[in-house]
């Protein structure tokens, strides 16, 4: 539905402007575990996702999911390497003085199988809902 500009699942910068947007209230930090029973909001940390998954599947299965996600990301970057390398050689004097940050959007199906949805160039690093 192209008339619904909030329909894109993973575009947080757009969805946070929707009237239906729900900001996350408990965002855990590395030093806390405050995500217990707090699975609200539209943007979760990986810690919150792991906690949520642990309510229905084993830690072994969760680890397998994250291994598959890692595998998808590594293989995606390998596929991009020749394009990235040629641009680096073309546009920079030294390979070591630049970098590019990519964001990979991964979907989990009902069987917890991860699939790559898209790769974003220069993804938002904003953690807030503002």
C-alpha atoms as a PDB file:
ATOM      1  CA  UNK A   1       0.000   0.000   0.000  1.00  0.00           C
ATOM      2  CA  UNK A   2       1.995   2.984  -1.241  1.00  0.00           C
ATOM      3  CA  UNK A   3      -0.458   5.447   0.298  1.00  0.00           C
ATOM      4  CA  UNK A   4       0.521   4.280   3.803  1.00  0.00           C
ATOM      5  CA  UNK A   5       3.929   5.817   4.345  1.00  0.00           C
ATOM      6  CA  UNK A   6       4.316   3.984   7.674  1.00  0.00           C
ATOM      7  CA  UNK A   7       3.937   0.519   6.124  1.00  0.00           C
ATOM      8  CA  UNK A   8       7.648  -0.176   5.700  1.00  0.00           C
ATOM      9  CA  UNK A   9       8.463  -2.641   8.466  1.00  0.00           C
ATOM     10  CA  UNK A  10      12.003  -1.634   9.196  1.00  0.00           C
ATOM     11  CA  UNK A  11      12.164   2.081   8.550  1.00  0.00           C
ATOM     12  CA  UNK A  12      12.321   3.264  12.141  1.00  0.00           C
ATOM     13  CA  UNK A  13      12.994   6.893  11.207  1.00  0.00           C
ATOM     14  CA  UNK A  14       9.642   6.961   9.395  1.00  0.00           C
ATOM     15  CA  UNK A  15       7.632   4.740  11.730  1.00  0.00           C
ATOM     16  CA  UNK A  16       8.513   6.772  14.821  1.00  0.00           C
ATOM     17  CA  UNK A  17       6.447   9.631  13.324  1.00  0.00           C
ATOM     18  CA  UNK A  18       3.305   7.468  13.059  1.00  0.00           C
ATOM     19  CA  UNK A  19       0.379   8.060  15.415  1.00  0.00           C
ATOM     20  CA  UNK A  20       0.489   4.308  16.149  1.00  0.00           C
ATOM     21  CA  UNK A  21       4.162   4.342  17.142  1.00  0.00           C
ATOM     22  CA  UNK A  22       4.950   2.882  20.569  1.00  0.00           C
ATOM     23  CA  UNK A  23       8.222   3.975  22.134  1.00  0.00           C
ATOM     24  CA  UNK A  24      10.190   1.355  24.059  1.00  0.00           C
ATOM     25  CA  UNK A  25      10.123   2.079  27.772  1.00  0.00           C
ATOM     26  CA  UNK A  26      12.711  -0.367  29.112  1.00  0.00           C
ATOM     27  CA  UNK A  27      15.878  -0.321  27.060  1.00  0.00           C
ATOM     28  CA  UNK A  28      18.516  -2.431  28.800  1.00  0.00           C
ATOM     29  CA  UNK A  29      22.131  -1.426  29.004  1.00  0.00           C
ATOM     30  CA  UNK A  30      25.163  -3.668  29.281  1.00  0.00           C
ATOM     31  CA  UNK A  31      25.078  -3.166  33.052  1.00  0.00           C
ATOM     32  CA  UNK A  32      21.394  -3.914  33.579  1.00  0.00           C
ATOM     33  CA  UNK A  33      18.778  -6.520  32.882  1.00  0.00           C
ATOM     34  CA  UNK A  34      15.701  -4.304  32.990  1.00  0.00           C
ATOM     35  CA  UNK A  35      14.000  -5.837  29.944  1.00  0.00           C
ATOM     36  CA  UNK A  36      12.181  -8.543  31.914  1.00  0.00           C
ATOM     37  CA  UNK A  37       8.540  -8.721  30.810  1.00  0.00           C
ATOM     38  CA  UNK A  38       8.953  -5.468  28.916  1.00  0.00           C
ATOM     39  CA  UNK A  39       8.438  -6.351  25.294  1.00  0.00           C
ATOM     40  CA  UNK A  40       6.716  -3.146  24.333  1.00  0.00           C
ATOM     41  CA  UNK A  41       7.806  -0.635  21.786  1.00  0.00           C
ATOM     42  CA  UNK A  42       8.909  -0.699  18.179  1.00  0.00           C
ATOM     43  CA  UNK A  43      12.689  -0.743  18.649  1.00  0.00           C
ATOM     44  CA  UNK A  44      14.289  -3.425  20.779  1.00  0.00           C
ATOM     45  CA  UNK A  45      17.886  -4.022  21.697  1.00  0.00           C
ATOM     46  CA  UNK A  46      19.401  -7.402  20.863  1.00  0.00           C
ATOM     47  CA  UNK A  47      19.317  -8.150  24.594  1.00  0.00           C
ATOM     48  CA  UNK A  48      15.552  -7.564  24.655  1.00  0.00           C
ATOM     49  CA  UNK A  49      15.088  -9.739  21.570  1.00  0.00           C
ATOM     50  CA  UNK A  50      17.084 -12.554  23.191  1.00  0.00           C
ATOM     51  CA  UNK A  51      15.027 -12.214  26.381  1.00  0.00           C
ATOM     52  CA  UNK A  52      11.793 -12.329  24.372  1.00  0.00           C
ATOM     53  CA  UNK A  53      12.911 -15.398  22.425  1.00  0.00           C
ATOM     54  CA  UNK A  54      13.862 -17.131  25.678  1.00  0.00           C
ATOM     55  CA  UNK A  55      10.195 -17.081  26.707  1.00  0.00           C
ATOM     56  CA  UNK A  56       9.376 -19.589  23.966  1.00  0.00           C
ATOM     57  CA  UNK A  57      12.577 -21.357  22.833  1.00  0.00           C
ATOM     58  CA  UNK A  58      15.764 -22.724  24.362  1.00  0.00           C
ATOM     59  CA  UNK A  59      19.038 -20.818  24.663  1.00  0.00           C
ATOM     60  CA  UNK A  60      20.568 -23.386  22.311  1.00  0.00           C
ATOM     61  CA  UNK A  61      17.987 -22.500  19.634  1.00  0.00           C
ATOM     62  CA  UNK A  62      18.539 -18.770  20.253  1.00  0.00           C
ATOM     63  CA  UNK A  63      22.286 -19.240  19.774  1.00  0.00           C
ATOM     64  CA  UNK A  64      21.622 -21.145  16.541  1.00  0.00           C
ATOM     65  CA  UNK A  65      19.417 -18.282  15.298  1.00  0.00           C
ATOM     66  CA  UNK A  66      22.134 -15.715  15.995  1.00  0.00           C
ATOM     67  CA  UNK A  67      24.758 -17.937  14.351  1.00  0.00           C
ATOM     68  CA  UNK A  68      22.570 -18.072  11.223  1.00  0.00           C
ATOM     69  CA  UNK A  69      22.108 -14.295  11.325  1.00  0.00           C
ATOM     70  CA  UNK A  70      25.877 -13.847  11.624  1.00  0.00           C
ATOM     71  CA  UNK A  71      26.361 -16.212   8.680  1.00  0.00           C
ATOM     72  CA  UNK A  72      23.895 -14.213   6.561  1.00  0.00           C
ATOM     73  CA  UNK A  73      25.659 -10.951   7.376  1.00  0.00           C
ATOM     74  CA  UNK A  74      29.150 -12.317   6.680  1.00  0.00           C
ATOM     75  CA  UNK A  75      28.072 -13.807   3.346  1.00  0.00           C
ATOM     76  CA  UNK A  76      26.315 -10.569   2.418  1.00  0.00           C
ATOM     77  CA  UNK A  77      29.471  -8.553   3.090  1.00  0.00           C
ATOM     78  CA  UNK A  78      31.509 -11.039   1.041  1.00  0.00           C
ATOM     79  CA  UNK A  79      29.091 -10.494  -1.856  1.00  0.00           C
ATOM     80  CA  UNK A  80      29.541  -6.721  -1.538  1.00  0.00           C
ATOM     81  CA  UNK A  81      33.324  -6.809  -1.201  1.00  0.00           C
ATOM     82  CA  UNK A  82      34.268  -6.444  -4.870  1.00  0.00           C
ATOM     83  CA  UNK A  83      31.962  -3.460  -5.353  1.00  0.00           C
ATOM     84  CA  UNK A  84      33.194  -1.814  -2.166  1.00  0.00           C
ATOM     85  CA  UNK A  85      36.856  -2.455  -2.965  1.00  0.00           C
ATOM     86  CA  UNK A  86      36.578  -0.992  -6.454  1.00  0.00           C
ATOM     87  CA  UNK A  87      34.929   2.171  -5.076  1.00  0.00           C
ATOM     88  CA  UNK A  88      37.608   2.491  -2.405  1.00  0.00           C
ATOM     89  CA  UNK A  89      40.382   2.205  -5.023  1.00  0.00           C
ATOM     90  CA  UNK A  90      38.578   4.721  -7.240  1.00  0.00           C
ATOM     91  CA  UNK A  91      37.684   7.307  -4.614  1.00  0.00           C
ATOM     92  CA  UNK A  92      40.381   7.199  -1.935  1.00  0.00           C
ATOM     93  CA  UNK A  93      44.143   7.499  -1.773  1.00  0.00           C
ATOM     94  CA  UNK A  94      44.558   4.977   1.031  1.00  0.00           C
ATOM     95  CA  UNK A  95      42.389   1.957   1.739  1.00  0.00           C
ATOM     96  CA  UNK A  96      42.868   2.301   5.488  1.00  0.00           C
ATOM     97  CA  UNK A  97      41.571   5.865   5.865  1.00  0.00           C
ATOM     98  CA  UNK A  98      37.881   5.242   5.230  1.00  0.00           C
ATOM     99  CA  UNK A  99      35.074   2.949   6.264  1.00  0.00           C
ATOM    100  CA  UNK A 100      31.406   2.354   5.522  1.00  0.00           C
ATOM    101  CA  UNK A 101      28.795   1.256   8.010  1.00  0.00           C
ATOM    102  CA  UNK A 102      26.028  -1.049   6.785  1.00  0.00           C
ATOM    103  CA  UNK A 103      22.802  -2.012   8.508  1.00  0.00           C
ATOM    104  CA  UNK A 104      21.292  -5.408   7.760  1.00  0.00           C
ATOM    105  CA  UNK A 105      17.572  -5.892   8.308  1.00  0.00           C
ATOM    106  CA  UNK A 106      16.820  -9.495   9.185  1.00  0.00           C
ATOM    107  CA  UNK A 107      13.354 -11.040   9.460  1.00  0.00           C
ATOM    108  CA  UNK A 108      12.548 -14.155  11.473  1.00  0.00           C
ATOM    109  CA  UNK A 109       9.753 -16.337  10.125  1.00  0.00           C
ATOM    110  CA  UNK A 110       7.342 -18.328  12.300  1.00  0.00           C
ATOM    111  CA  UNK A 111       9.947 -21.109  12.549  1.00  0.00           C
ATOM    112  CA  UNK A 112      12.629 -18.623  13.638  1.00  0.00           C
ATOM    113  CA  UNK A 113      14.485 -18.902  10.335  1.00  0.00           C
ATOM    114  CA  UNK A 114      16.298 -15.633   9.571  1.00  0.00           C
ATOM    115  CA  UNK A 115      16.154 -14.011   6.121  1.00  0.00           C
ATOM    116  CA  UNK A 116      17.894 -10.918   4.851  1.00  0.00           C
ATOM    117  CA  UNK A 117      15.358  -8.221   4.004  1.00  0.00           C
ATOM    118  CA  UNK A 118      17.709  -5.417   2.990  1.00  0.00           C
ATOM    119  CA  UNK A 119      21.078  -3.804   3.517  1.00  0.00           C
ATOM    120  CA  UNK A 120      21.158  -0.127   4.400  1.00  0.00           C
ATOM    121  CA  UNK A 121      24.009   2.266   3.751  1.00  0.00           C
ATOM    122  CA  UNK A 122      24.762   4.569   6.680  1.00  0.00           C
ATOM    123  CA  UNK A 123      21.952   3.313   8.958  1.00  0.00           C
ATOM    124  CA  UNK A 124      20.602   5.438  11.760  1.00  0.00           C
ATOM    125  CA  UNK A 125      22.439   4.883  15.020  1.00  0.00           C
ATOM    126  CA  UNK A 126      19.828   6.707  17.035  1.00  0.00           C
ATOM    127  CA  UNK A 127      18.595   4.681  19.973  1.00  0.00           C
ATOM    128  CA  UNK A 128      15.946   7.139  21.042  1.00  0.00           C
ATOM    129  CA  UNK A 129      12.331   7.401  20.010  1.00  0.00           C
ATOM    130  CA  UNK A 130      12.548  11.162  19.586  1.00  0.00           C
END
